[in-house]
Amino acid sequence: MIGGIALIAWSGWHNLRQRRALLQVQQDRRVDLIPDTQEAAGNESPVIDSALRGKPAPAFTLSDLDGKKVSLKDFKGHPLLINYWGTYCEPCKYEMPWLQEFSKKYAADGFQVVGITYDVEVGNSTISKNVTKLGVTYPILLSDAKVEKDYLGGTDGLPMSFYVDKVGKVVEVTAGLGTKDQLEAMVKEIIAAGGK
């Protein structure tokens, strides 16, 4: 009986050692897609070349999560960040709280954010749950094929943001996750740009 207990104890200890070794191997092979710190993100800018830069933002009228129609013209005279995102996109979820913070911090300057979800097919309930979990209160609109073509032009890299000045001109376009400081600098740029 003592031999059986010793065998069980040795087996448990051996199993624990194997699990720890496997966990260490998994940790060593882990790849972080989202930087832990802003310094880890490097100095790469998320700004991309876009045919929209310097041109008027394409008009749209889309439904929000409550079915209300929202148009680009509703934001006329305000610096605006149009952010394309998806519920499956982890970098999108990483930056959306920053955008929420900026929408409050620069509200006195007229700055506004609107999110356009790329994966409408998951349904309003799933989108709403994600938005609530992220603490986002700015408008979330449901995309359509025309608006996707006008803004994304066949690319599907997310997040993708369009920084629009007060007169409706696209000042910058970003794709992928930049640092919080980079995004905030572009927000300040569109607040300062354009006529009143």
Protein backbone atom coordinates (compact mmCIF):
# COMPACT_ATOMS: atom_id res chain seq x y z
CA MET A 1 0.00 0.00 0.00
CA ILE A 2 2.86 2.39 0.79
CA GLY A 3 4.31 1.55 -2.62
CA GLY A 4 0.98 2.47 -4.28
CA ILE A 5 0.82 5.79 -2.47
CA ALA A 6 4.44 6.52 -3.38
CA LEU A 7 3.70 5.66 -7.02
CA ILE A 8 0.67 8.01 -7.07
CA ALA A 9 2.68 10.82 -5.44
CA TRP A 10 5.58 10.33 -7.88
CA SER A 11 3.15 10.24 -10.81
CA GLY A 12 1.48 13.50 -9.71
CA TRP A 13 4.83 15.22 -9.19
CA HIS A 14 6.10 14.00 -12.58
CA ASN A 15 2.87 15.17 -14.29
CA LEU A 16 3.24 18.61 -12.66
CA ARG A 17 6.84 18.93 -13.90
CA GLN A 18 5.76 18.04 -17.45
CA ARG A 19 2.93 20.57 -17.39
CA ARG A 20 5.26 23.32 -16.14
CA ALA A 21 7.81 22.50 -18.86
CA LEU A 22 5.10 22.59 -21.54
CA LEU A 23 3.79 25.91 -20.19
CA GLN A 24 7.31 27.36 -20.35
CA VAL A 25 7.70 26.23 -23.97
CA GLN A 26 4.36 27.85 -24.84
CA GLN A 27 5.41 31.10 -23.12
CA ASP A 28 8.70 31.11 -25.03
CA ARG A 29 6.87 30.67 -28.35
CA ARG A 30 4.21 33.30 -27.60
CA VAL A 31 3.94 36.19 -30.02
CA ASP A 32 2.44 39.47 -28.82
CA LEU A 33 0.33 41.06 -31.53
CA ILE A 34 -0.44 44.01 -29.29
CA PRO A 35 2.47 45.80 -27.62
CA ASP A 36 2.48 45.75 -23.82
CA THR A 37 3.82 49.30 -23.75
CA GLN A 38 3.94 52.22 -26.09
CA GLU A 39 7.73 51.84 -26.30
CA ALA A 40 7.27 48.24 -27.45
CA ALA A 41 5.21 49.44 -30.38
CA GLY A 42 8.29 51.07 -31.81
CA ASN A 43 8.42 54.24 -33.81
CA GLU A 44 6.51 52.93 -36.81
CA SER A 45 3.72 55.24 -37.82
CA PRO A 46 0.30 53.78 -38.59
CA VAL A 47 -0.20 56.50 -41.27
CA ILE A 48 -0.73 54.99 -44.73
CA ASP A 49 -0.97 56.31 -48.27
CA SER A 50 -4.58 56.77 -49.26
CA ALA A 51 -6.36 58.23 -52.26
CA LEU A 52 -8.72 59.94 -49.77
CA ARG A 53 -6.02 62.09 -48.14
CA GLY A 54 -6.62 65.75 -48.98
CA LYS A 55 -10.07 65.07 -50.45
CA PRO A 56 -13.56 65.45 -48.99
CA ALA A 57 -14.64 62.47 -46.89
CA PRO A 58 -17.14 60.35 -48.87
CA ALA A 59 -20.74 60.99 -47.78
CA PHE A 60 -22.60 58.23 -45.97
CA THR A 61 -25.87 57.53 -44.22
CA LEU A 62 -25.78 54.42 -42.04
CA SER A 63 -27.87 52.93 -39.24
CA ASP A 64 -26.65 52.93 -35.67
CA LEU A 65 -27.24 50.03 -33.29
CA ASP A 66 -30.74 51.36 -32.49
CA GLY A 67 -31.70 51.65 -36.17
CA LYS A 68 -31.39 55.46 -36.24
CA LYS A 69 -29.93 56.89 -39.48
CA VAL A 70 -26.68 58.83 -39.05
CA SER A 71 -25.04 60.80 -41.86
CA LEU A 72 -21.62 62.30 -42.33
CA LYS A 73 -23.34 65.70 -42.66
CA ASP A 74 -24.46 65.32 -39.00
CA PHE A 75 -20.83 66.00 -38.05
CA LYS A 76 -20.38 69.05 -40.30
CA GLY A 77 -18.20 71.72 -38.72
CA HIS A 78 -16.58 69.28 -36.28
CA PRO A 79 -13.20 67.55 -36.43
CA LEU A 80 -14.11 63.86 -36.78
CA LEU A 81 -12.37 60.52 -36.47
CA ILE A 82 -14.09 57.78 -38.50
CA ASN A 83 -12.87 54.45 -37.15
CA TYR A 84 -13.47 51.16 -39.00
CA TRP A 85 -13.30 48.22 -36.60
CA GLY A 86 -14.52 44.64 -36.13
CA THR A 87 -15.60 42.56 -33.15
CA TYR A 88 -12.94 39.95 -34.04
CA CYS A 89 -10.16 42.57 -34.24
CA GLU A 90 -8.07 42.64 -31.06
CA PRO A 91 -6.02 45.73 -32.05
CA CYS A 92 -9.35 47.51 -32.65
CA LYS A 93 -10.51 46.65 -29.14
CA TYR A 94 -7.16 47.81 -27.78
CA GLU A 95 -7.43 51.29 -29.32
CA MET A 96 -11.17 51.93 -28.92
CA PRO A 97 -10.87 52.92 -25.22
CA TRP A 98 -8.24 55.47 -26.31
CA LEU A 99 -10.68 56.87 -28.88
CA GLN A 100 -13.35 57.02 -26.17
CA GLU A 101 -10.93 58.93 -23.95
CA PHE A 102 -10.10 61.37 -26.77
CA SER A 103 -13.81 61.91 -27.55
CA LYS A 104 -14.30 63.15 -23.98
CA LYS A 105 -10.97 64.97 -23.59
CA TYR A 106 -11.41 67.03 -26.77
CA ALA A 107 -15.21 67.40 -26.75
CA ALA A 108 -14.86 71.10 -25.88
CA ASP A 109 -12.93 71.51 -29.16
CA GLY A 110 -15.87 69.99 -31.06
CA PHE A 111 -13.99 66.72 -31.69
CA GLN A 112 -16.16 63.66 -32.32
CA VAL A 113 -15.59 59.97 -33.01
CA VAL A 114 -17.80 57.61 -34.96
CA GLY A 115 -17.13 53.88 -35.19
CA ILE A 116 -18.20 51.88 -38.21
CA THR A 117 -18.31 48.14 -37.64
CA TYR A 118 -16.96 46.02 -40.47
CA ASP A 119 -18.60 42.74 -39.37
CA VAL A 120 -22.30 43.59 -39.44
CA GLU A 121 -23.12 39.91 -40.00
CA VAL A 122 -22.40 39.05 -36.34
CA GLY A 123 -25.56 40.92 -35.36
CA ASN A 124 -26.40 43.95 -33.24
CA SER A 125 -26.40 41.97 -30.00
CA THR A 126 -22.78 40.82 -30.39
CA ILE A 127 -21.67 44.27 -31.52
CA SER A 128 -23.50 45.93 -28.59
CA LYS A 129 -21.92 43.53 -26.07
CA ASN A 130 -18.44 44.36 -27.42
CA VAL A 131 -19.13 48.10 -27.35
CA THR A 132 -20.47 47.93 -23.78
CA LYS A 133 -17.52 45.83 -22.60
CA LEU A 134 -15.10 48.37 -24.08
CA GLY A 135 -16.93 51.30 -22.44
CA VAL A 136 -17.52 53.02 -25.77
CA THR A 137 -20.26 55.65 -25.86
CA TYR A 138 -19.55 57.33 -29.21
CA PRO A 139 -21.87 56.36 -32.11
CA ILE A 140 -21.36 52.90 -33.64
CA LEU A 141 -22.70 52.54 -37.17
CA LEU A 142 -23.35 49.44 -39.27
CA SER A 143 -21.33 49.45 -42.48
CA ASP A 144 -22.57 48.66 -45.96
CA ALA A 145 -20.82 47.64 -49.18
CA LYS A 146 -20.83 51.13 -50.72
CA VAL A 147 -19.29 52.83 -47.70
CA GLU A 148 -16.70 50.05 -47.38
CA LYS A 149 -15.75 50.55 -51.03
CA ASP A 150 -15.61 54.35 -50.63
CA TYR A 151 -13.45 54.25 -47.51
CA LEU A 152 -11.58 50.95 -47.48
CA GLY A 153 -11.21 50.54 -51.24
CA GLY A 154 -11.01 46.75 -51.11
CA THR A 155 -8.57 46.54 -48.19
CA ASP A 156 -9.71 44.84 -45.02
CA GLY A 157 -6.91 45.74 -42.62
CA LEU A 158 -8.34 46.87 -39.31
CA PRO A 159 -8.42 49.09 -37.42
CA MET A 160 -8.52 51.79 -40.08
CA SER A 161 -9.16 55.41 -39.17
CA PHE A 162 -9.91 58.51 -41.20
CA TYR A 163 -9.11 61.85 -39.58
CA VAL A 164 -11.47 64.47 -41.03
CA ASP A 165 -11.08 68.20 -40.37
CA LYS A 166 -13.84 70.75 -39.68
CA VAL A 167 -14.49 71.38 -43.36
CA GLY A 168 -14.85 67.67 -44.15
CA LYS A 169 -11.43 67.02 -45.69
CA VAL A 170 -9.54 63.81 -44.89
CA VAL A 171 -6.27 64.94 -43.26
CA GLU A 172 -4.78 61.54 -42.31
CA VAL A 173 -5.52 57.84 -42.76
CA THR A 174 -4.14 55.16 -40.45
CA ALA A 175 -4.22 51.37 -40.56
CA GLY A 176 -3.28 49.01 -37.78
CA LEU A 177 -2.45 49.84 -34.21
CA GLY A 178 -0.28 52.86 -33.52
CA THR A 179 0.63 54.17 -30.11
CA LYS A 180 -1.78 56.21 -28.06
CA ASP A 181 0.52 59.24 -28.43
CA GLN A 182 0.58 58.92 -32.24
CA LEU A 183 -3.22 58.76 -32.42
CA GLU A 184 -3.65 61.69 -30.05
CA ALA A 185 -1.21 63.79 -32.12
CA MET A 186 -3.37 63.20 -35.19
CA VAL A 187 -6.51 64.12 -33.23
CA LYS A 188 -4.83 67.41 -32.28
CA GLU A 189 -3.87 67.91 -35.95
CA ILE A 190 -7.46 67.69 -37.18
CA ILE A 191 -8.69 69.92 -34.37
CA ALA A 192 -6.20 72.57 -35.50
CA ALA A 193 -6.82 72.04 -39.25
CA GLY A 194 -9.60 73.30 -41.48
CA GLY A 195 -11.87 76.33 -41.43
CA LYS A 196 -14.54 77.03 -38.87
